[in-house]
């Protein structure tokens, strides 16, 4: 099985629609210091960079950030309904799935989180993460 077939099989297994299976035709570099879009909410900053067929997001959650307090009022769901795949750059947060399973994510960790969860920042340091799966949809209401 070639890498493109493997990625397609993985995406089908995970229930994720793959927009681009690795066919990159341009050499691009963009900085999150000057992103294509910025979305902000209470204690939340999301910097969106779009590359050919891909969206990469850097999000910063300030100390005291909690999904239920900062995001839930906007998206109006009982828990986050987006899956996430990413990398923790700094800080620490805890995520609890709807089924009660709870794990902490710390700087240096790569992570996958299925839809149906909430989370909160642990400690006095902001949590900074890089998101590679659901960036375009993050912080948008179901009608957006």
C-alpha atoms as a PDB file:
ATOM      1  CA  UNK A   1       0.000   0.000   0.000  1.00  0.00           C
ATOM      2  CA  UNK A   2       1.478   3.399  -0.979  1.00  0.00           C
ATOM      3  CA  UNK A   3       1.461   6.426   1.419  1.00  0.00           C
ATOM      4  CA  UNK A   4      -1.548   8.036  -0.285  1.00  0.00           C
ATOM      5  CA  UNK A   5      -3.585   4.807   0.005  1.00  0.00           C
ATOM      6  CA  UNK A   6      -2.489   4.453   3.648  1.00  0.00           C
ATOM      7  CA  UNK A   7      -3.596   8.004   4.452  1.00  0.00           C
ATOM      8  CA  UNK A   8      -6.934   7.449   2.680  1.00  0.00           C
ATOM      9  CA  UNK A   9      -7.497   4.204   4.629  1.00  0.00           C
ATOM     10  CA  UNK A  10      -6.628   5.924   7.904  1.00  0.00           C
ATOM     11  CA  UNK A  11      -8.984   8.796   7.131  1.00  0.00           C
ATOM     12  CA  UNK A  12     -11.821   6.362   6.370  1.00  0.00           C
ATOM     13  CA  UNK A  13     -11.114   4.508   9.626  1.00  0.00           C
ATOM     14  CA  UNK A  14     -11.148   7.775  11.591  1.00  0.00           C
ATOM     15  CA  UNK A  15     -14.228   9.091   9.792  1.00  0.00           C
ATOM     16  CA  UNK A  16     -12.311  12.129   8.550  1.00  0.00           C
ATOM     17  CA  UNK A  17     -12.622  13.621   5.090  1.00  0.00           C
ATOM     18  CA  UNK A  18      -9.166  14.182   3.622  1.00  0.00           C
ATOM     19  CA  UNK A  19      -9.074  17.348   1.516  1.00  0.00           C
ATOM     20  CA  UNK A  20      -5.571  16.828   0.163  1.00  0.00           C
ATOM     21  CA  UNK A  21      -3.770  13.493   0.225  1.00  0.00           C
ATOM     22  CA  UNK A  22      -0.296  14.941  -0.001  1.00  0.00           C
ATOM     23  CA  UNK A  23      -0.273  16.376  -3.504  1.00  0.00           C
ATOM     24  CA  UNK A  24       1.671  19.532  -2.819  1.00  0.00           C
ATOM     25  CA  UNK A  25       2.663  21.490  -5.918  1.00  0.00           C
ATOM     26  CA  UNK A  26       3.910  24.740  -4.360  1.00  0.00           C
ATOM     27  CA  UNK A  27       6.730  25.525  -1.967  1.00  0.00           C
ATOM     28  CA  UNK A  28       5.138  27.801   0.649  1.00  0.00           C
ATOM     29  CA  UNK A  29       6.047  29.210   4.005  1.00  0.00           C
ATOM     30  CA  UNK A  30       3.844  31.414   6.169  1.00  0.00           C
ATOM     31  CA  UNK A  31       4.252  32.695   9.694  1.00  0.00           C
ATOM     32  CA  UNK A  32       1.682  32.443  12.440  1.00  0.00           C
ATOM     33  CA  UNK A  33       2.936  35.906  13.454  1.00  0.00           C
ATOM     34  CA  UNK A  34       1.064  37.184  10.367  1.00  0.00           C
ATOM     35  CA  UNK A  35      -1.727  34.611   9.912  1.00  0.00           C
ATOM     36  CA  UNK A  36      -4.391  34.604   7.216  1.00  0.00           C
ATOM     37  CA  UNK A  37      -7.087  34.886   9.884  1.00  0.00           C
ATOM     38  CA  UNK A  38      -7.320  35.446  13.633  1.00  0.00           C
ATOM     39  CA  UNK A  39     -10.278  34.343  15.733  1.00  0.00           C
ATOM     40  CA  UNK A  40     -10.577  35.449  19.345  1.00  0.00           C
ATOM     41  CA  UNK A  41     -12.902  34.690  22.212  1.00  0.00           C
ATOM     42  CA  UNK A  42     -12.620  34.943  25.967  1.00  0.00           C
ATOM     43  CA  UNK A  43      -9.090  33.734  26.914  1.00  0.00           C
ATOM     44  CA  UNK A  44      -8.742  32.270  23.385  1.00  0.00           C
ATOM     45  CA  UNK A  45      -6.650  33.276  20.360  1.00  0.00           C
ATOM     46  CA  UNK A  46      -6.652  31.192  17.167  1.00  0.00           C
ATOM     47  CA  UNK A  47      -4.193  32.016  14.359  1.00  0.00           C
ATOM     48  CA  UNK A  48      -5.076  30.369  11.047  1.00  0.00           C
ATOM     49  CA  UNK A  49      -2.574  29.826   8.245  1.00  0.00           C
ATOM     50  CA  UNK A  50      -3.774  28.380   4.949  1.00  0.00           C
ATOM     51  CA  UNK A  51      -1.403  26.523   2.660  1.00  0.00           C
ATOM     52  CA  UNK A  52      -2.310  24.743  -0.555  1.00  0.00           C
ATOM     53  CA  UNK A  53      -5.080  22.349   0.522  1.00  0.00           C
ATOM     54  CA  UNK A  54      -4.196  22.488   4.229  1.00  0.00           C
ATOM     55  CA  UNK A  55      -5.056  24.645   7.221  1.00  0.00           C
ATOM     56  CA  UNK A  56      -2.704  24.848  10.184  1.00  0.00           C
ATOM     57  CA  UNK A  57      -3.846  26.557  13.355  1.00  0.00           C
ATOM     58  CA  UNK A  58      -1.933  27.803  16.382  1.00  0.00           C
ATOM     59  CA  UNK A  59      -4.186  28.356  19.344  1.00  0.00           C
ATOM     60  CA  UNK A  60      -3.391  29.942  22.678  1.00  0.00           C
ATOM     61  CA  UNK A  61      -5.566  29.378  25.724  1.00  0.00           C
ATOM     62  CA  UNK A  62      -4.849  31.680  28.666  1.00  0.00           C
ATOM     63  CA  UNK A  63      -4.678  30.449  32.274  1.00  0.00           C
ATOM     64  CA  UNK A  64      -8.215  29.905  33.534  1.00  0.00           C
ATOM     65  CA  UNK A  65      -9.448  28.908  30.055  1.00  0.00           C
ATOM     66  CA  UNK A  66     -12.162  26.265  30.145  1.00  0.00           C
ATOM     67  CA  UNK A  67     -14.096  25.019  27.106  1.00  0.00           C
ATOM     68  CA  UNK A  68     -17.425  25.231  28.975  1.00  0.00           C
ATOM     69  CA  UNK A  69     -16.857  28.909  29.885  1.00  0.00           C
ATOM     70  CA  UNK A  70     -15.071  30.224  26.791  1.00  0.00           C
ATOM     71  CA  UNK A  71     -16.268  28.206  23.773  1.00  0.00           C
ATOM     72  CA  UNK A  72     -19.575  26.550  24.694  1.00  0.00           C
ATOM     73  CA  UNK A  73     -21.507  29.856  24.809  1.00  0.00           C
ATOM     74  CA  UNK A  74     -20.551  30.490  21.164  1.00  0.00           C
ATOM     75  CA  UNK A  75     -20.907  27.047  19.584  1.00  0.00           C
ATOM     76  CA  UNK A  76     -23.929  26.138  21.730  1.00  0.00           C
ATOM     77  CA  UNK A  77     -23.178  22.428  22.110  1.00  0.00           C
ATOM     78  CA  UNK A  78     -22.796  20.511  25.376  1.00  0.00           C
ATOM     79  CA  UNK A  79     -19.258  19.460  24.450  1.00  0.00           C
ATOM     80  CA  UNK A  80     -16.775  20.077  21.628  1.00  0.00           C
ATOM     81  CA  UNK A  81     -18.002  18.227  18.540  1.00  0.00           C
ATOM     82  CA  UNK A  82     -14.758  18.491  16.555  1.00  0.00           C
ATOM     83  CA  UNK A  83     -11.972  15.902  16.515  1.00  0.00           C
ATOM     84  CA  UNK A  84      -8.451  17.268  16.961  1.00  0.00           C
ATOM     85  CA  UNK A  85      -4.980  16.152  15.958  1.00  0.00           C
ATOM     86  CA  UNK A  86      -2.146  18.343  17.060  1.00  0.00           C
ATOM     87  CA  UNK A  87       0.999  19.116  18.983  1.00  0.00           C
ATOM     88  CA  UNK A  88       1.360  20.896  22.336  1.00  0.00           C
ATOM     89  CA  UNK A  89       3.983  23.638  22.096  1.00  0.00           C
ATOM     90  CA  UNK A  90       3.789  24.888  25.687  1.00  0.00           C
ATOM     91  CA  UNK A  91       1.684  24.681  28.810  1.00  0.00           C
ATOM     92  CA  UNK A  92      -0.619  21.935  29.981  1.00  0.00           C
ATOM     93  CA  UNK A  93      -4.296  21.179  29.569  1.00  0.00           C
ATOM     94  CA  UNK A  94      -6.634  18.400  30.608  1.00  0.00           C
ATOM     95  CA  UNK A  95      -9.270  16.945  28.289  1.00  0.00           C
ATOM     96  CA  UNK A  96     -12.269  14.912  29.424  1.00  0.00           C
ATOM     97  CA  UNK A  97     -14.237  12.842  26.915  1.00  0.00           C
ATOM     98  CA  UNK A  98     -18.011  12.576  27.218  1.00  0.00           C
ATOM     99  CA  UNK A  99     -17.525   9.005  28.462  1.00  0.00           C
ATOM    100  CA  UNK A 100     -15.467  10.277  31.430  1.00  0.00           C
ATOM    101  CA  UNK A 101     -11.985   9.322  30.199  1.00  0.00           C
ATOM    102  CA  UNK A 102      -9.613  12.128  31.158  1.00  0.00           C
ATOM    103  CA  UNK A 103      -6.005  12.802  30.090  1.00  0.00           C
ATOM    104  CA  UNK A 104      -3.562  15.665  30.377  1.00  0.00           C
ATOM    105  CA  UNK A 105      -1.619  17.042  27.431  1.00  0.00           C
ATOM    106  CA  UNK A 106       1.713  18.753  28.106  1.00  0.00           C
ATOM    107  CA  UNK A 107       4.313  20.624  26.080  1.00  0.00           C
ATOM    108  CA  UNK A 108       5.988  18.245  23.633  1.00  0.00           C
ATOM    109  CA  UNK A 109       3.002  15.892  23.365  1.00  0.00           C
ATOM    110  CA  UNK A 110       1.319  15.020  20.082  1.00  0.00           C
ATOM    111  CA  UNK A 111      -2.350  14.221  20.546  1.00  0.00           C
ATOM    112  CA  UNK A 112      -5.582  13.003  18.998  1.00  0.00           C
ATOM    113  CA  UNK A 113      -8.909  13.830  20.613  1.00  0.00           C
ATOM    114  CA  UNK A 114     -12.204  12.467  19.288  1.00  0.00           C
ATOM    115  CA  UNK A 115     -15.333  14.603  19.028  1.00  0.00           C
ATOM    116  CA  UNK A 116     -17.308  14.804  22.264  1.00  0.00           C
ATOM    117  CA  UNK A 117     -15.042  16.337  24.898  1.00  0.00           C
ATOM    118  CA  UNK A 118     -14.258  19.385  26.990  1.00  0.00           C
ATOM    119  CA  UNK A 119     -10.981  20.726  28.295  1.00  0.00           C
ATOM    120  CA  UNK A 120      -9.296  23.266  30.527  1.00  0.00           C
ATOM    121  CA  UNK A 121      -5.872  24.826  31.041  1.00  0.00           C
ATOM    122  CA  UNK A 122      -3.923  23.535  34.036  1.00  0.00           C
ATOM    123  CA  UNK A 123      -1.728  25.961  35.946  1.00  0.00           C
ATOM    124  CA  UNK A 124      -0.588  29.529  35.361  1.00  0.00           C
ATOM    125  CA  UNK A 125       1.007  29.120  31.931  1.00  0.00           C
ATOM    126  CA  UNK A 126      -0.919  29.564  28.663  1.00  0.00           C
ATOM    127  CA  UNK A 127      -1.469  26.413  26.629  1.00  0.00           C
ATOM    128  CA  UNK A 128      -0.221  26.781  23.049  1.00  0.00           C
ATOM    129  CA  UNK A 129      -1.021  24.076  20.517  1.00  0.00           C
ATOM    130  CA  UNK A 130      -0.791  23.420  16.798  1.00  0.00           C
ATOM    131  CA  UNK A 131      -3.918  21.933  15.203  1.00  0.00           C
ATOM    132  CA  UNK A 132      -3.759  20.109  11.877  1.00  0.00           C
ATOM    133  CA  UNK A 133      -7.235  18.589  11.559  1.00  0.00           C
ATOM    134  CA  UNK A 134     -10.195  20.835  12.398  1.00  0.00           C
ATOM    135  CA  UNK A 135      -8.753  24.329  12.104  1.00  0.00           C
ATOM    136  CA  UNK A 136     -11.168  25.748   9.530  1.00  0.00           C
ATOM    137  CA  UNK A 137     -14.159  24.762  11.628  1.00  0.00           C
ATOM    138  CA  UNK A 138     -12.773  25.755  15.047  1.00  0.00           C
ATOM    139  CA  UNK A 139     -14.732  28.539  16.799  1.00  0.00           C
ATOM    140  CA  UNK A 140     -17.480  28.540  14.219  1.00  0.00           C
ATOM    141  CA  UNK A 141     -21.115  28.026  15.072  1.00  0.00           C
ATOM    142  CA  UNK A 142     -22.911  25.105  13.404  1.00  0.00           C
ATOM    143  CA  UNK A 143     -24.638  27.612  11.083  1.00  0.00           C
ATOM    144  CA  UNK A 144     -21.369  29.309  10.024  1.00  0.00           C
END
